[in-house]
Protein backbone atom coordinates (compact mmCIF):
# COMPACT_ATOMS: atom_id res chain seq x y z
CA UNK A 1 0.00 0.00 0.00
CA UNK A 2 1.24 3.49 -0.83
CA UNK A 3 2.03 5.99 1.87
CA UNK A 4 2.66 9.70 2.05
CA UNK A 5 6.26 8.92 2.90
CA UNK A 6 7.38 8.44 -0.66
CA UNK A 7 6.69 5.01 -2.10
CA UNK A 8 3.90 6.41 -4.33
CA UNK A 9 6.23 8.97 -5.91
CA UNK A 10 8.71 8.62 -8.75
CA UNK A 11 11.46 11.00 -9.73
CA UNK A 12 14.49 10.45 -11.92
CA UNK A 13 16.61 11.33 -8.91
CA UNK A 14 15.06 9.41 -6.05
CA UNK A 15 11.75 8.67 -4.40
CA UNK A 16 12.75 8.42 -0.77
CA UNK A 17 11.18 10.50 1.94
CA UNK A 18 14.21 12.77 2.23
CA UNK A 19 13.92 13.72 -1.42
CA UNK A 20 10.27 14.67 -0.96
CA UNK A 21 11.21 16.80 2.01
CA UNK A 22 13.84 18.53 -0.14
CA UNK A 23 11.12 19.72 -2.52
CA UNK A 24 9.00 20.78 0.43
CA UNK A 25 11.93 22.85 1.70
CA UNK A 26 12.36 24.42 -1.75
CA UNK A 27 8.71 25.44 -1.79
CA UNK A 28 9.12 27.11 1.60
CA UNK A 29 12.40 28.79 0.59
CA UNK A 30 10.88 30.08 -2.65
CA UNK A 31 8.41 32.14 -0.59
CA UNK A 32 11.20 34.44 0.65
CA UNK A 33 11.22 37.91 -0.92
CA UNK A 34 14.74 37.44 -2.33
CA UNK A 35 13.38 34.73 -4.67
CA UNK A 36 10.32 36.66 -5.87
CA UNK A 37 10.24 36.29 -9.64
CA UNK A 38 13.36 34.08 -9.69
CA UNK A 39 13.38 31.89 -12.81
CA UNK A 40 14.27 28.51 -11.23
CA UNK A 41 14.20 26.60 -14.54
CA UNK A 42 16.65 28.90 -16.30
CA UNK A 43 20.28 28.37 -17.16
CA UNK A 44 22.80 27.62 -14.45
CA UNK A 45 25.91 29.22 -15.94
CA UNK A 46 26.81 32.55 -14.37
CA UNK A 47 23.72 32.35 -12.18
CA UNK A 48 24.77 32.44 -8.53
CA UNK A 49 21.16 32.70 -7.34
CA UNK A 50 20.45 29.31 -8.96
CA UNK A 51 23.23 27.72 -6.92
CA UNK A 52 22.14 29.56 -3.77
CA UNK A 53 18.57 28.25 -4.17
CA UNK A 54 19.71 24.65 -4.74
CA UNK A 55 22.17 24.85 -1.84
CA UNK A 56 19.25 25.24 0.57
CA UNK A 57 18.71 21.49 0.20
CA UNK A 58 22.37 20.69 -0.55
CA UNK A 59 21.91 19.56 -4.17
CA UNK A 60 23.08 20.67 -7.60
CA UNK A 61 20.82 23.02 -9.58
CA UNK A 62 20.13 20.41 -12.29
CA UNK A 63 18.94 17.94 -9.64
CA UNK A 64 16.82 20.64 -8.03
CA UNK A 65 15.20 21.42 -11.37
CA UNK A 66 14.46 17.73 -11.97
CA UNK A 67 12.78 17.40 -8.58
CA UNK A 68 10.63 20.49 -9.06
CA UNK A 69 9.62 19.40 -12.57
CA UNK A 70 8.64 15.95 -11.26
CA UNK A 71 6.40 17.50 -8.61
CA UNK A 72 4.82 19.73 -11.28
CA UNK A 73 4.32 16.74 -13.58
CA UNK A 74 2.56 14.80 -10.81
CA UNK A 75 0.36 17.74 -9.95
CA UNK A 76 1.74 18.75 -6.57
CA UNK A 77 3.25 22.11 -7.55
CA UNK A 78 1.62 24.65 -9.88
CA UNK A 79 3.18 24.83 -13.32
CA UNK A 80 5.31 27.96 -13.24
CA UNK A 81 8.93 28.69 -14.10
CA UNK A 82 9.25 31.41 -11.50
CA UNK A 83 9.21 31.61 -7.74
CA UNK A 84 7.40 31.46 -5.50
CA UNK A 85 6.61 27.79 -5.99
CA UNK A 86 3.05 27.08 -4.90
CA UNK A 87 1.26 23.89 -3.99
CA UNK A 88 -1.71 22.71 -5.98
CA UNK A 89 -4.67 21.51 -3.97
CA UNK A 90 -3.32 17.95 -3.80
CA UNK A 91 0.17 19.22 -3.00
CA UNK A 92 -1.24 21.34 -0.21
CA UNK A 93 -3.05 18.32 1.19
CA UNK A 94 0.16 16.27 1.13
CA UNK A 95 2.02 19.10 2.82
CA UNK A 96 -0.64 19.37 5.52
CA UNK A 97 -0.68 15.60 6.08
CA UNK A 98 3.07 15.58 6.42
CA UNK A 99 3.00 18.55 8.77
CA UNK A 100 0.60 16.84 11.18
CA UNK A 101 2.56 13.60 10.96
CA UNK A 102 0.09 11.22 9.37
C-alpha atoms as a PDB file:
ATOM      1  CA  UNK A   1       0.000   0.000   0.000  1.00  0.00           C
ATOM      2  CA  UNK A   2       1.245   3.494  -0.832  1.00  0.00           C
ATOM      3  CA  UNK A   3       2.033   5.986   1.874  1.00  0.00           C
ATOM      4  CA  UNK A   4       2.656   9.700   2.047  1.00  0.00           C
ATOM      5  CA  UNK A   5       6.264   8.920   2.905  1.00  0.00           C
ATOM      6  CA  UNK A   6       7.382   8.445  -0.659  1.00  0.00           C
ATOM      7  CA  UNK A   7       6.691   5.008  -2.105  1.00  0.00           C
ATOM      8  CA  UNK A   8       3.904   6.409  -4.334  1.00  0.00           C
ATOM      9  CA  UNK A   9       6.231   8.966  -5.909  1.00  0.00           C
ATOM     10  CA  UNK A  10       8.712   8.623  -8.748  1.00  0.00           C
ATOM     11  CA  UNK A  11      11.459  10.995  -9.734  1.00  0.00           C
ATOM     12  CA  UNK A  12      14.486  10.448 -11.924  1.00  0.00           C
ATOM     13  CA  UNK A  13      16.611  11.327  -8.912  1.00  0.00           C
ATOM     14  CA  UNK A  14      15.057   9.406  -6.055  1.00  0.00           C
ATOM     15  CA  UNK A  15      11.750   8.672  -4.397  1.00  0.00           C
ATOM     16  CA  UNK A  16      12.752   8.419  -0.771  1.00  0.00           C
ATOM     17  CA  UNK A  17      11.178  10.504   1.941  1.00  0.00           C
ATOM     18  CA  UNK A  18      14.214  12.769   2.228  1.00  0.00           C
ATOM     19  CA  UNK A  19      13.917  13.721  -1.425  1.00  0.00           C
ATOM     20  CA  UNK A  20      10.266  14.666  -0.965  1.00  0.00           C
ATOM     21  CA  UNK A  21      11.212  16.802   2.012  1.00  0.00           C
ATOM     22  CA  UNK A  22      13.838  18.532  -0.139  1.00  0.00           C
ATOM     23  CA  UNK A  23      11.121  19.719  -2.517  1.00  0.00           C
ATOM     24  CA  UNK A  24       8.996  20.782   0.433  1.00  0.00           C
ATOM     25  CA  UNK A  25      11.928  22.851   1.703  1.00  0.00           C
ATOM     26  CA  UNK A  26      12.364  24.422  -1.748  1.00  0.00           C
ATOM     27  CA  UNK A  27       8.707  25.440  -1.795  1.00  0.00           C
ATOM     28  CA  UNK A  28       9.121  27.109   1.600  1.00  0.00           C
ATOM     29  CA  UNK A  29      12.397  28.785   0.589  1.00  0.00           C
ATOM     30  CA  UNK A  30      10.882  30.079  -2.646  1.00  0.00           C
ATOM     31  CA  UNK A  31       8.406  32.140  -0.589  1.00  0.00           C
ATOM     32  CA  UNK A  32      11.200  34.437   0.648  1.00  0.00           C
ATOM     33  CA  UNK A  33      11.224  37.908  -0.921  1.00  0.00           C
ATOM     34  CA  UNK A  34      14.743  37.441  -2.328  1.00  0.00           C
ATOM     35  CA  UNK A  35      13.382  34.734  -4.668  1.00  0.00           C
ATOM     36  CA  UNK A  36      10.315  36.657  -5.870  1.00  0.00           C
ATOM     37  CA  UNK A  37      10.236  36.289  -9.644  1.00  0.00           C
ATOM     38  CA  UNK A  38      13.360  34.076  -9.685  1.00  0.00           C
ATOM     39  CA  UNK A  39      13.376  31.887 -12.808  1.00  0.00           C
ATOM     40  CA  UNK A  40      14.266  28.509 -11.230  1.00  0.00           C
ATOM     41  CA  UNK A  41      14.199  26.602 -14.543  1.00  0.00           C
ATOM     42  CA  UNK A  42      16.646  28.898 -16.302  1.00  0.00           C
ATOM     43  CA  UNK A  43      20.282  28.373 -17.155  1.00  0.00           C
ATOM     44  CA  UNK A  44      22.800  27.623 -14.455  1.00  0.00           C
ATOM     45  CA  UNK A  45      25.912  29.219 -15.938  1.00  0.00           C
ATOM     46  CA  UNK A  46      26.812  32.546 -14.373  1.00  0.00           C
ATOM     47  CA  UNK A  47      23.719  32.350 -12.182  1.00  0.00           C
ATOM     48  CA  UNK A  48      24.771  32.443  -8.527  1.00  0.00           C
ATOM     49  CA  UNK A  49      21.162  32.698  -7.344  1.00  0.00           C
ATOM     50  CA  UNK A  50      20.450  29.312  -8.958  1.00  0.00           C
ATOM     51  CA  UNK A  51      23.229  27.720  -6.915  1.00  0.00           C
ATOM     52  CA  UNK A  52      22.136  29.563  -3.774  1.00  0.00           C
ATOM     53  CA  UNK A  53      18.565  28.254  -4.167  1.00  0.00           C
ATOM     54  CA  UNK A  54      19.709  24.653  -4.744  1.00  0.00           C
ATOM     55  CA  UNK A  55      22.166  24.853  -1.839  1.00  0.00           C
ATOM     56  CA  UNK A  56      19.248  25.244   0.570  1.00  0.00           C
ATOM     57  CA  UNK A  57      18.708  21.491   0.203  1.00  0.00           C
ATOM     58  CA  UNK A  58      22.374  20.688  -0.551  1.00  0.00           C
ATOM     59  CA  UNK A  59      21.915  19.557  -4.173  1.00  0.00           C
ATOM     60  CA  UNK A  60      23.080  20.668  -7.604  1.00  0.00           C
ATOM     61  CA  UNK A  61      20.816  23.021  -9.584  1.00  0.00           C
ATOM     62  CA  UNK A  62      20.135  20.410 -12.285  1.00  0.00           C
ATOM     63  CA  UNK A  63      18.943  17.940  -9.636  1.00  0.00           C
ATOM     64  CA  UNK A  64      16.823  20.640  -8.029  1.00  0.00           C
ATOM     65  CA  UNK A  65      15.196  21.419 -11.367  1.00  0.00           C
ATOM     66  CA  UNK A  66      14.462  17.730 -11.969  1.00  0.00           C
ATOM     67  CA  UNK A  67      12.778  17.396  -8.581  1.00  0.00           C
ATOM     68  CA  UNK A  68      10.629  20.489  -9.060  1.00  0.00           C
ATOM     69  CA  UNK A  69       9.619  19.397 -12.573  1.00  0.00           C
ATOM     70  CA  UNK A  70       8.644  15.949 -11.262  1.00  0.00           C
ATOM     71  CA  UNK A  71       6.399  17.503  -8.609  1.00  0.00           C
ATOM     72  CA  UNK A  72       4.819  19.732 -11.279  1.00  0.00           C
ATOM     73  CA  UNK A  73       4.315  16.737 -13.576  1.00  0.00           C
ATOM     74  CA  UNK A  74       2.564  14.803 -10.811  1.00  0.00           C
ATOM     75  CA  UNK A  75       0.355  17.742  -9.954  1.00  0.00           C
ATOM     76  CA  UNK A  76       1.740  18.747  -6.566  1.00  0.00           C
ATOM     77  CA  UNK A  77       3.249  22.114  -7.554  1.00  0.00           C
ATOM     78  CA  UNK A  78       1.620  24.647  -9.879  1.00  0.00           C
ATOM     79  CA  UNK A  79       3.181  24.825 -13.318  1.00  0.00           C
ATOM     80  CA  UNK A  80       5.310  27.963 -13.240  1.00  0.00           C
ATOM     81  CA  UNK A  81       8.928  28.689 -14.101  1.00  0.00           C
ATOM     82  CA  UNK A  82       9.252  31.411 -11.497  1.00  0.00           C
ATOM     83  CA  UNK A  83       9.209  31.612  -7.737  1.00  0.00           C
ATOM     84  CA  UNK A  84       7.400  31.457  -5.501  1.00  0.00           C
ATOM     85  CA  UNK A  85       6.610  27.786  -5.987  1.00  0.00           C
ATOM     86  CA  UNK A  86       3.053  27.080  -4.901  1.00  0.00           C
ATOM     87  CA  UNK A  87       1.258  23.892  -3.994  1.00  0.00           C
ATOM     88  CA  UNK A  88      -1.709  22.713  -5.984  1.00  0.00           C
ATOM     89  CA  UNK A  89      -4.667  21.506  -3.967  1.00  0.00           C
ATOM     90  CA  UNK A  90      -3.319  17.951  -3.804  1.00  0.00           C
ATOM     91  CA  UNK A  91       0.171  19.225  -2.998  1.00  0.00           C
ATOM     92  CA  UNK A  92      -1.241  21.342  -0.211  1.00  0.00           C
ATOM     93  CA  UNK A  93      -3.050  18.319   1.191  1.00  0.00           C
ATOM     94  CA  UNK A  94       0.160  16.266   1.125  1.00  0.00           C
ATOM     95  CA  UNK A  95       2.023  19.096   2.823  1.00  0.00           C
ATOM     96  CA  UNK A  96      -0.638  19.371   5.521  1.00  0.00           C
ATOM     97  CA  UNK A  97      -0.678  15.597   6.078  1.00  0.00           C
ATOM     98  CA  UNK A  98       3.071  15.576   6.419  1.00  0.00           C
ATOM     99  CA  UNK A  99       2.998  18.551   8.774  1.00  0.00           C
ATOM    100  CA  UNK A 100       0.604  16.840  11.184  1.00  0.00           C
ATOM    101  CA  UNK A 101       2.560  13.596  10.965  1.00  0.00           C
ATOM    102  CA  UNK A 102       0.089  11.222   9.369  1.00  0.00           C
END
